[in-house]
């Protein structure tokens, strides 16, 4: 996705929080067009400082279906730096 989406885990289901309701977040929602392909998958934890500013990110390649190779973490790292997260503030945990 081109913009961050706020999600929360509720009874092992994820939801997109919109202004008027919660919409179930399912894999097809993540790809805009049928021709899109998954490049990376996993989890991102955002670390904020006492002023609520991003102080870092914890990323991994844990994914139930896609099983991404650990090398995809570089794509995520590169994308986060485009969002102004500094390289030395990104912490990787390789799964598998």
PDB file of N, CA and C in Angstrom:
ATOM      1  N   UNK A   1       0.848  -1.173   0.000  1.00  0.00           N
ATOM      2  CA  UNK A   1       0.000   0.000   0.000  1.00  0.00           C
ATOM      3  C   UNK A   1       0.894   1.238   0.000  1.00  0.00           C
ATOM      4  N   UNK A   2       0.396   2.292  -0.562  1.00  0.00           N
ATOM      5  CA  UNK A   2       1.165   3.530  -0.638  1.00  0.00           C
ATOM      6  C   UNK A   2       1.096   4.362   0.634  1.00  0.00           C
ATOM      7  N   UNK A   3       0.122   4.084   1.485  1.00  0.00           N
ATOM      8  CA  UNK A   3      -0.018   4.825   2.731  1.00  0.00           C
ATOM      9  C   UNK A   3      -0.152   3.837   3.882  1.00  0.00           C
ATOM     10  N   UNK A   4       0.300   4.221   5.077  1.00  0.00           N
ATOM     11  CA  UNK A   4       0.134   3.321   6.226  1.00  0.00           C
ATOM     12  C   UNK A   4      -1.341   3.109   6.542  1.00  0.00           C
ATOM     13  N   UNK A   5      -1.682   1.916   6.979  1.00  0.00           N
ATOM     14  CA  UNK A   5      -3.045   1.596   7.373  1.00  0.00           C
ATOM     15  C   UNK A   5      -3.015   1.159   8.826  1.00  0.00           C
ATOM     16  N   UNK A   6      -3.836   1.770   9.650  1.00  0.00           N
ATOM     17  CA  UNK A   6      -3.902   1.406  11.057  1.00  0.00           C
ATOM     18  C   UNK A   6      -4.692   0.115  11.201  1.00  0.00           C
ATOM     19  N   UNK A   7      -4.086  -0.873  11.812  1.00  0.00           N
ATOM     20  CA  UNK A   7      -4.789  -2.137  12.054  1.00  0.00           C
ATOM     21  C   UNK A   7      -4.629  -2.520  13.508  1.00  0.00           C
ATOM     22  N   UNK A   8      -5.506  -3.365  13.967  1.00  0.00           N
ATOM     23  CA  UNK A   8      -5.369  -3.910  15.305  1.00  0.00           C
ATOM     24  C   UNK A   8      -5.796  -5.366  15.252  1.00  0.00           C
ATOM     25  N   UNK A   9      -5.130  -6.175  16.035  1.00  0.00           N
ATOM     26  CA  UNK A   9      -5.424  -7.596  16.064  1.00  0.00           C
ATOM     27  C   UNK A   9      -6.517  -7.860  17.085  1.00  0.00           C
ATOM     28  N   UNK A  10      -7.631  -8.386  16.621  1.00  0.00           N
ATOM     29  CA  UNK A  10      -8.745  -8.695  17.512  1.00  0.00           C
ATOM     30  C   UNK A  10      -9.151 -10.140  17.253  1.00  0.00           C
ATOM     31  N   UNK A  11      -8.964 -10.999  18.229  1.00  0.00           N
ATOM     32  CA  UNK A  11      -9.307 -12.410  18.117  1.00  0.00           C
ATOM     33  C   UNK A  11      -8.772 -12.990  16.805  1.00  0.00           C
ATOM     34  N   UNK A  12      -7.491 -12.755  16.568  1.00  0.00           N
ATOM     35  CA  UNK A  12      -6.777 -13.272  15.402  1.00  0.00           C
ATOM     36  C   UNK A  12      -7.359 -12.791  14.069  1.00  0.00           C
ATOM     37  N   UNK A  13      -8.030 -11.649  14.058  1.00  0.00           N
ATOM     38  CA  UNK A  13      -8.507 -11.030  12.826  1.00  0.00           C
ATOM     39  C   UNK A  13      -8.048  -9.590  12.838  1.00  0.00           C
ATOM     40  N   UNK A  14      -7.715  -9.068  11.681  1.00  0.00           N
ATOM     41  CA  UNK A  14      -7.281  -7.673  11.594  1.00  0.00           C
ATOM     42  C   UNK A  14      -8.384  -6.826  10.982  1.00  0.00           C
ATOM     43  N   UNK A  15      -8.406  -5.573  11.380  1.00  0.00           N
ATOM     44  CA  UNK A  15      -9.424  -4.646  10.910  1.00  0.00           C
ATOM     45  C   UNK A  15      -8.790  -3.330  10.514  1.00  0.00           C
ATOM     46  N   UNK A  16      -9.337  -2.686   9.497  1.00  0.00           N
ATOM     47  CA  UNK A  16      -8.964  -1.320   9.149  1.00  0.00           C
ATOM     48  C   UNK A  16      -9.919  -0.414   9.913  1.00  0.00           C
ATOM     49  N   UNK A  17      -9.359   0.536  10.646  1.00  0.00           N
ATOM     50  CA  UNK A  17     -10.189   1.484  11.379  1.00  0.00           C
ATOM     51  C   UNK A  17     -10.509   2.664  10.469  1.00  0.00           C
ATOM     52  N   UNK A  18     -11.769   2.797  10.107  1.00  0.00           N
ATOM     53  CA  UNK A  18     -12.200   3.945   9.319  1.00  0.00           C
ATOM     54  C   UNK A  18     -12.961   4.889  10.244  1.00  0.00           C
ATOM     55  N   UNK A  19     -13.355   6.020   9.721  1.00  0.00           N
ATOM     56  CA  UNK A  19     -14.009   7.009  10.573  1.00  0.00           C
ATOM     57  C   UNK A  19     -15.385   6.549  11.062  1.00  0.00           C
ATOM     58  N   UNK A  20     -16.017   5.624  10.356  1.00  0.00           N
ATOM     59  CA  UNK A  20     -17.369   5.243  10.744  1.00  0.00           C
ATOM     60  C   UNK A  20     -17.543   3.766  11.096  1.00  0.00           C
ATOM     61  N   UNK A  21     -16.558   2.920  10.811  1.00  0.00           N
ATOM     62  CA  UNK A  21     -16.713   1.507  11.162  1.00  0.00           C
ATOM     63  C   UNK A  21     -15.374   0.783  11.043  1.00  0.00           C
ATOM     64  N   UNK A  22     -15.361  -0.454  11.462  1.00  0.00           N
ATOM     65  CA  UNK A  22     -14.194  -1.311  11.292  1.00  0.00           C
ATOM     66  C   UNK A  22     -14.474  -2.237  10.112  1.00  0.00           C
ATOM     67  N   UNK A  23     -13.538  -2.278   9.175  1.00  0.00           N
ATOM     68  CA  UNK A  23     -13.663  -3.129   8.005  1.00  0.00           C
ATOM     69  C   UNK A  23     -12.648  -4.243   8.098  1.00  0.00           C
ATOM     70  N   UNK A  24     -13.075  -5.463   7.856  1.00  0.00           N
ATOM     71  CA  UNK A  24     -12.170  -6.601   7.926  1.00  0.00           C
ATOM     72  C   UNK A  24     -11.033  -6.423   6.930  1.00  0.00           C
ATOM     73  N   UNK A  25      -9.813  -6.626   7.404  1.00  0.00           N
ATOM     74  CA  UNK A  25      -8.630  -6.499   6.556  1.00  0.00           C
ATOM     75  C   UNK A  25      -8.269  -7.893   6.046  1.00  0.00           C
ATOM     76  N   UNK A  26      -8.462  -8.119   4.762  1.00  0.00           N
ATOM     77  CA  UNK A  26      -8.147  -9.407   4.156  1.00  0.00           C
ATOM     78  C   UNK A  26      -7.112  -9.199   3.063  1.00  0.00           C
ATOM     79  N   UNK A  27      -6.383 -10.242   2.727  1.00  0.00           N
ATOM     80  CA  UNK A  27      -5.289 -10.127   1.771  1.00  0.00           C
ATOM     81  C   UNK A  27      -5.648  -9.408   0.469  1.00  0.00           C
ATOM     82  N   UNK A  28      -6.798  -9.679  -0.170  1.00  0.00           N
ATOM     83  CA  UNK A  28      -7.096  -8.969  -1.423  1.00  0.00           C
ATOM     84  C   UNK A  28      -7.171  -7.458  -1.282  1.00  0.00           C
ATOM     85  N   UNK A  29      -7.489  -6.957  -0.078  1.00  0.00           N
ATOM     86  CA  UNK A  29      -7.535  -5.510   0.127  1.00  0.00           C
ATOM     87  C   UNK A  29      -6.159  -4.877   0.038  1.00  0.00           C
ATOM     88  N   UNK A  30      -5.127  -5.663   0.251  1.00  0.00           N
ATOM     89  CA  UNK A  30      -3.781  -5.111   0.266  1.00  0.00           C
ATOM     90  C   UNK A  30      -3.238  -4.839  -1.130  1.00  0.00           C
ATOM     91  N   UNK A  31      -3.821  -5.469  -2.142  1.00  0.00           N
ATOM     92  CA  UNK A  31      -3.373  -5.271  -3.518  1.00  0.00           C
ATOM     93  C   UNK A  31      -4.452  -4.537  -4.296  1.00  0.00           C
ATOM     94  N   UNK A  32      -4.066  -3.445  -4.920  1.00  0.00           N
ATOM     95  CA  UNK A  32      -5.041  -2.614  -5.611  1.00  0.00           C
ATOM     96  C   UNK A  32      -5.539  -3.251  -6.907  1.00  0.00           C
ATOM     97  N   UNK A  33      -4.644  -3.893  -7.647  1.00  0.00           N
ATOM     98  CA  UNK A  33      -5.006  -4.474  -8.932  1.00  0.00           C
ATOM     99  C   UNK A  33      -4.656  -5.952  -8.954  1.00  0.00           C
ATOM    100  N   UNK A  34      -5.380  -6.733  -9.746  1.00  0.00           N
ATOM    101  CA  UNK A  34      -5.115  -8.167  -9.839  1.00  0.00           C
ATOM    102  C   UNK A  34      -3.724  -8.459 -10.378  1.00  0.00           C
ATOM    103  N   UNK A  35      -3.132  -7.510 -11.086  1.00  0.00           N
ATOM    104  CA  UNK A  35      -1.794  -7.715 -11.648  1.00  0.00           C
ATOM    105  C   UNK A  35      -0.683  -7.428 -10.637  1.00  0.00           C
ATOM    106  N   UNK A  36      -1.044  -6.850  -9.484  1.00  0.00           N
ATOM    107  CA  UNK A  36      -0.039  -6.573  -8.450  1.00  0.00           C
ATOM    108  C   UNK A  36       0.507  -7.880  -7.895  1.00  0.00           C
ATOM    109  N   UNK A  37       1.753  -7.870  -7.490  1.00  0.00           N
ATOM    110  CA  UNK A  37       2.394  -9.038  -6.905  1.00  0.00           C
ATOM    111  C   UNK A  37       2.989  -8.672  -5.552  1.00  0.00           C
ATOM    112  N   UNK A  38       2.945  -9.595  -4.631  1.00  0.00           N
ATOM    113  CA  UNK A  38       3.526  -9.380  -3.310  1.00  0.00           C
ATOM    114  C   UNK A  38       5.040  -9.376  -3.429  1.00  0.00           C
ATOM    115  N   UNK A  39       5.674  -8.363  -2.862  1.00  0.00           N
ATOM    116  CA  UNK A  39       7.131  -8.255  -2.888  1.00  0.00           C
ATOM    117  C   UNK A  39       7.735  -8.588  -1.532  1.00  0.00           C
ATOM    118  N   UNK A  40       6.983  -8.366  -0.479  1.00  0.00           N
ATOM    119  CA  UNK A  40       7.457  -8.645   0.871  1.00  0.00           C
ATOM    120  C   UNK A  40       6.241  -8.825   1.772  1.00  0.00           C
ATOM    121  N   UNK A  41       6.448  -9.521   2.867  1.00  0.00           N
ATOM    122  CA  UNK A  41       5.382  -9.695   3.852  1.00  0.00           C
ATOM    123  C   UNK A  41       6.032  -9.867   5.207  1.00  0.00           C
ATOM    124  N   UNK A  42       5.302  -9.555   6.233  1.00  0.00           N
ATOM    125  CA  UNK A  42       5.831  -9.699   7.573  1.00  0.00           C
ATOM    126  C   UNK A  42       5.133  -8.767   8.531  1.00  0.00           C
ATOM    127  N   UNK A  43       5.839  -8.433   9.576  1.00  0.00           N
ATOM    128  CA  UNK A  43       5.286  -7.574  10.613  1.00  0.00           C
ATOM    129  C   UNK A  43       6.202  -6.377  10.827  1.00  0.00           C
ATOM    130  N   UNK A  44       5.584  -5.243  11.153  1.00  0.00           N
ATOM    131  CA  UNK A  44       6.333  -4.024  11.466  1.00  0.00           C
ATOM    132  C   UNK A  44       5.829  -3.500  12.802  1.00  0.00           C
ATOM    133  N   UNK A  45       6.744  -3.267  13.703  1.00  0.00           N
ATOM    134  CA  UNK A  45       6.417  -2.616  14.962  1.00  0.00           C
ATOM    135  C   UNK A  45       7.065  -1.243  14.968  1.00  0.00           C
ATOM    136  N   UNK A  46       6.281  -0.212  15.177  1.00  0.00           N
ATOM    137  CA  UNK A  46       6.793   1.162  15.195  1.00  0.00           C
ATOM    138  C   UNK A  46       7.142   1.534  16.631  1.00  0.00           C
ATOM    139  N   UNK A  47       8.332   2.071  16.818  1.00  0.00           N
ATOM    140  CA  UNK A  47       8.814   2.507  18.127  1.00  0.00           C
ATOM    141  C   UNK A  47       8.731   4.028  18.156  1.00  0.00           C
ATOM    142  N   UNK A  48       8.026   4.571  19.153  1.00  0.00           N
ATOM    143  CA  UNK A  48       7.882   6.022  19.264  1.00  0.00           C
ATOM    144  C   UNK A  48       8.585   6.535  20.508  1.00  0.00           C
ATOM    145  N   UNK A  49       9.046   7.778  20.429  1.00  0.00           N
ATOM    146  CA  UNK A  49       9.703   8.391  21.577  1.00  0.00           C
ATOM    147  C   UNK A  49       8.666   9.056  22.489  1.00  0.00           C
ATOM    148  N   UNK A  50       9.126   9.730  23.517  1.00  0.00           N
ATOM    149  CA  UNK A  50       8.211  10.356  24.477  1.00  0.00           C
ATOM    150  C   UNK A  50       7.406  11.510  23.881  1.00  0.00           C
ATOM    151  N   UNK A  51       7.809  11.971  22.691  1.00  0.00           N
ATOM    152  CA  UNK A  51       7.083  13.048  22.000  1.00  0.00           C
ATOM    153  C   UNK A  51       6.192  12.498  20.892  1.00  0.00           C
ATOM    154  N   UNK A  52       5.987  11.172  20.890  1.00  0.00           N
ATOM    155  CA  UNK A  52       5.150  10.478  19.914  1.00  0.00           C
ATOM    156  C   UNK A  52       5.693  10.550  18.489  1.00  0.00           C
ATOM    157  N   UNK A  53       6.998  10.747  18.353  1.00  0.00           N
ATOM    158  CA  UNK A  53       7.658  10.750  17.050  1.00  0.00           C
ATOM    159  C   UNK A  53       8.281   9.379  16.830  1.00  0.00           C
ATOM    160  N   UNK A  54       8.366   8.958  15.564  1.00  0.00           N
ATOM    161  CA  UNK A  54       8.945   7.662  15.252  1.00  0.00           C
ATOM    162  C   UNK A  54      10.419   7.651  15.620  1.00  0.00           C
ATOM    163  N   UNK A  55      10.782   6.710  16.496  1.00  0.00           N
ATOM    164  CA  UNK A  55      12.164   6.580  16.944  1.00  0.00           C
ATOM    165  C   UNK A  55      12.803   5.324  16.358  1.00  0.00           C
ATOM    166  N   UNK A  56      12.008   4.522  15.663  1.00  0.00           N
ATOM    167  CA  UNK A  56      12.552   3.315  15.064  1.00  0.00           C
ATOM    168  C   UNK A  56      11.466   2.360  14.635  1.00  0.00           C
ATOM    169  N   UNK A  57      11.906   1.254  14.054  1.00  0.00           N
ATOM    170  CA  UNK A  57      10.978   0.225  13.602  1.00  0.00           C
ATOM    171  C   UNK A  57      11.616  -1.143  13.787  1.00  0.00           C
ATOM    172  N   UNK A  58      10.811  -2.093  14.192  1.00  0.00           N
ATOM    173  CA  UNK A  58      11.226  -3.482  14.314  1.00  0.00           C
ATOM    174  C   UNK A  58      10.504  -4.237  13.206  1.00  0.00           C
ATOM    175  N   UNK A  59      11.255  -4.874  12.300  1.00  0.00           N
ATOM    176  CA  UNK A  59      10.640  -5.562  11.164  1.00  0.00           C
ATOM    177  C   UNK A  59      11.048  -7.028  11.166  1.00  0.00           C
ATOM    178  N   UNK A  60      10.137  -7.863  10.659  1.00  0.00           N
ATOM    179  CA  UNK A  60      10.471  -9.267  10.456  1.00  0.00           C
ATOM    180  C   UNK A  60       9.743  -9.787   9.221  1.00  0.00           C
ATOM    181  N   UNK A  61      10.068 -10.992   8.819  1.00  0.00           N
ATOM    182  CA  UNK A  61       9.452 -11.588   7.640  1.00  0.00           C
ATOM    183  C   UNK A  61       8.509 -12.733   8.033  1.00  0.00           C
ATOM    184  N   UNK A  62       7.864 -12.601   9.193  1.00  0.00           N
ATOM    185  CA  UNK A  62       6.902 -13.595   9.659  1.00  0.00           C
ATOM    186  C   UNK A  62       5.587 -13.436   8.901  1.00  0.00           C
ATOM    187  N   UNK A  63       5.206 -14.444   8.136  1.00  0.00           N
ATOM    188  CA  UNK A  63       3.971 -14.389   7.360  1.00  0.00           C
ATOM    189  C   UNK A  63       3.416 -15.796   7.232  1.00  0.00           C
ATOM    190  N   UNK A  64       2.142 -15.934   7.484  1.00  0.00           N
ATOM    191  CA  UNK A  64       1.521 -17.245   7.457  1.00  0.00           C
ATOM    192  C   UNK A  64       1.439 -17.889   6.091  1.00  0.00           C
ATOM    193  N   UNK A  65       1.156 -17.117   5.050  1.00  0.00           N
ATOM    194  CA  UNK A  65       0.915 -17.692   3.734  1.00  0.00           C
ATOM    195  C   UNK A  65       2.055 -17.470   2.746  1.00  0.00           C
ATOM    196  N   UNK A  66       2.572 -16.273   2.710  1.00  0.00           N
ATOM    197  CA  UNK A  66       3.526 -15.894   1.664  1.00  0.00           C
ATOM    198  C   UNK A  66       4.897 -16.520   1.857  1.00  0.00           C
ATOM    199  N   UNK A  67       5.326 -16.720   3.084  1.00  0.00           N
ATOM    200  CA  UNK A  67       6.644 -17.283   3.405  1.00  0.00           C
ATOM    201  C   UNK A  67       7.771 -16.541   2.682  1.00  0.00           C
ATOM    202  N   UNK A  68       7.907 -15.246   2.918  1.00  0.00           N
ATOM    203  CA  UNK A  68       8.931 -14.470   2.221  1.00  0.00           C
ATOM    204  C   UNK A  68      10.343 -14.833   2.665  1.00  0.00           C
ATOM    205  N   UNK A  69      11.256 -14.744   1.741  1.00  0.00           N
ATOM    206  CA  UNK A  69      12.672 -14.976   2.038  1.00  0.00           C
ATOM    207  C   UNK A  69      13.176 -13.803   2.881  1.00  0.00           C
ATOM    208  N   UNK A  70      14.174 -14.057   3.715  1.00  0.00           N
ATOM    209  CA  UNK A  70      14.705 -12.997   4.579  1.00  0.00           C
ATOM    210  C   UNK A  70      15.272 -11.830   3.790  1.00  0.00           C
ATOM    211  N   UNK A  71      15.627 -12.057   2.526  1.00  0.00           N
ATOM    212  CA  UNK A  71      16.160 -10.971   1.700  1.00  0.00           C
ATOM    213  C   UNK A  71      15.120  -9.888   1.425  1.00  0.00           C
ATOM    214  N   UNK A  72      13.818 -10.208   1.591  1.00  0.00           N
ATOM    215  CA  UNK A  72      12.775  -9.200   1.350  1.00  0.00           C
ATOM    216  C   UNK A  72      12.798  -8.104   2.413  1.00  0.00           C
ATOM    217  N   UNK A  73      13.472  -8.362   3.531  1.00  0.00           N
ATOM    218  CA  UNK A  73      13.571  -7.329   4.566  1.00  0.00           C
ATOM    219  C   UNK A  73      14.280  -6.084   4.044  1.00  0.00           C
ATOM    220  N   UNK A  74      15.174  -6.245   3.081  1.00  0.00           N
ATOM    221  CA  UNK A  74      15.852  -5.088   2.480  1.00  0.00           C
ATOM    222  C   UNK A  74      14.842  -4.178   1.782  1.00  0.00           C
ATOM    223  N   UNK A  75      13.853  -4.765   1.093  1.00  0.00           N
ATOM    224  CA  UNK A  75      12.817  -3.962   0.437  1.00  0.00           C
ATOM    225  C   UNK A  75      12.036  -3.147   1.468  1.00  0.00           C
ATOM    226  N   UNK A  76      11.723  -3.779   2.588  1.00  0.00           N
ATOM    227  CA  UNK A  76      10.985  -3.090   3.649  1.00  0.00           C
ATOM    228  C   UNK A  76      11.844  -1.983   4.248  1.00  0.00           C
ATOM    229  N   UNK A  77      13.112  -2.295   4.500  1.00  0.00           N
ATOM    230  CA  UNK A  77      14.060  -1.303   5.035  1.00  0.00           C
ATOM    231  C   UNK A  77      14.149  -0.096   4.097  1.00  0.00           C
ATOM    232  N   UNK A  78      14.299  -0.353   2.802  1.00  0.00           N
ATOM    233  CA  UNK A  78      14.395   0.734   1.817  1.00  0.00           C
ATOM    234  C   UNK A  78      13.135   1.589   1.803  1.00  0.00           C
ATOM    235  N   UNK A  79      11.975   0.944   1.910  1.00  0.00           N
ATOM    236  CA  UNK A  79      10.716   1.685   1.907  1.00  0.00           C
ATOM    237  C   UNK A  79      10.594   2.547   3.169  1.00  0.00           C
ATOM    238  N   UNK A  80      10.972   1.989   4.306  1.00  0.00           N
ATOM    239  CA  UNK A  80      10.896   2.767   5.545  1.00  0.00           C
ATOM    240  C   UNK A  80      11.816   3.988   5.507  1.00  0.00           C
ATOM    241  N   UNK A  81      12.969   3.864   4.864  1.00  0.00           N
ATOM    242  CA  UNK A  81      13.860   5.032   4.767  1.00  0.00           C
ATOM    243  C   UNK A  81      13.239   6.110   3.887  1.00  0.00           C
ATOM    244  N   UNK A  82      12.429   5.715   2.913  1.00  0.00           N
ATOM    245  CA  UNK A  82      11.701   6.711   2.101  1.00  0.00           C
ATOM    246  C   UNK A  82      10.670   7.454   2.953  1.00  0.00           C
ATOM    247  N   UNK A  83      10.242   6.815   4.042  1.00  0.00           N
ATOM    248  CA  UNK A  83       9.300   7.450   4.969  1.00  0.00           C
ATOM    249  C   UNK A  83      10.034   8.184   6.096  1.00  0.00           C
ATOM    250  N   UNK A  84      11.348   8.394   5.896  1.00  0.00           N
ATOM    251  CA  UNK A  84      12.210   9.139   6.822  1.00  0.00           C
ATOM    252  C   UNK A  84      12.543   8.414   8.120  1.00  0.00           C
ATOM    253  N   UNK A  85      12.464   7.077   8.112  1.00  0.00           N
ATOM    254  CA  UNK A  85      12.979   6.312   9.246  1.00  0.00           C
ATOM    255  C   UNK A  85      14.458   6.067   8.951  1.00  0.00           C
ATOM    256  N   UNK A  86      15.325   6.446   9.874  1.00  0.00           N
ATOM    257  CA  UNK A  86      16.766   6.318   9.651  1.00  0.00           C
ATOM    258  C   UNK A  86      17.194   4.846   9.661  1.00  0.00           C
ATOM    259  N   UNK A  87      18.169   4.516   8.802  1.00  0.00           N
ATOM    260  CA  UNK A  87      18.662   3.150   8.679  1.00  0.00           C
ATOM    261  C   UNK A  87      19.062   2.557  10.030  1.00  0.00           C
ATOM    262  N   UNK A  88      19.744   3.351  10.860  1.00  0.00           N
ATOM    263  CA  UNK A  88      20.210   2.822  12.144  1.00  0.00           C
ATOM    264  C   UNK A  88      19.095   2.705  13.182  1.00  0.00           C
ATOM    265  N   UNK A  89      17.861   3.079  12.801  1.00  0.00           N
ATOM    266  CA  UNK A  89      16.712   2.945  13.693  1.00  0.00           C
ATOM    267  C   UNK A  89      15.803   1.788  13.272  1.00  0.00           C
ATOM    268  N   UNK A  90      16.226   1.016  12.274  1.00  0.00           N
ATOM    269  CA  UNK A  90      15.448  -0.121  11.793  1.00  0.00           C
ATOM    270  C   UNK A  90      16.115  -1.394  12.270  1.00  0.00           C
ATOM    271  N   UNK A  91      15.387  -2.182  13.015  1.00  0.00           N
ATOM    272  CA  UNK A  91      15.918  -3.414  13.584  1.00  0.00           C
ATOM    273  C   UNK A  91      15.232  -4.600  12.927  1.00  0.00           C
ATOM    274  N   UNK A  92      16.021  -5.531  12.400  1.00  0.00           N
ATOM    275  CA  UNK A  92      15.492  -6.690  11.672  1.00  0.00           C
ATOM    276  C   UNK A  92      15.565  -7.952  12.518  1.00  0.00           C
ATOM    277  N   UNK A  93      14.520  -8.768  12.401  1.00  0.00           N
ATOM    278  CA  UNK A  93      14.508 -10.106  12.987  1.00  0.00           C
ATOM    279  C   UNK A  93      14.141 -11.053  11.861  1.00  0.00           C
ATOM    280  N   UNK A  94      15.089 -11.878  11.448  1.00  0.00           N
ATOM    281  CA  UNK A  94      14.848 -12.827  10.363  1.00  0.00           C
ATOM    282  C   UNK A  94      14.154 -14.061  10.906  1.00  0.00           C
ATOM    283  N   UNK A  95      13.045 -14.448  10.262  1.00  0.00           N
ATOM    284  CA  UNK A  95      12.292 -15.631  10.649  1.00  0.00           C
ATOM    285  C   UNK A  95      12.494 -16.695   9.580  1.00  0.00           C
ATOM    286  N   UNK A  96      12.929 -17.854   9.988  1.00  0.00           N
ATOM    287  CA  UNK A  96      13.090 -18.971   9.044  1.00  0.00           C
ATOM    288  C   UNK A  96      14.344 -18.974   8.234  1.00  0.00           C
TER     289      UNK A  96
END
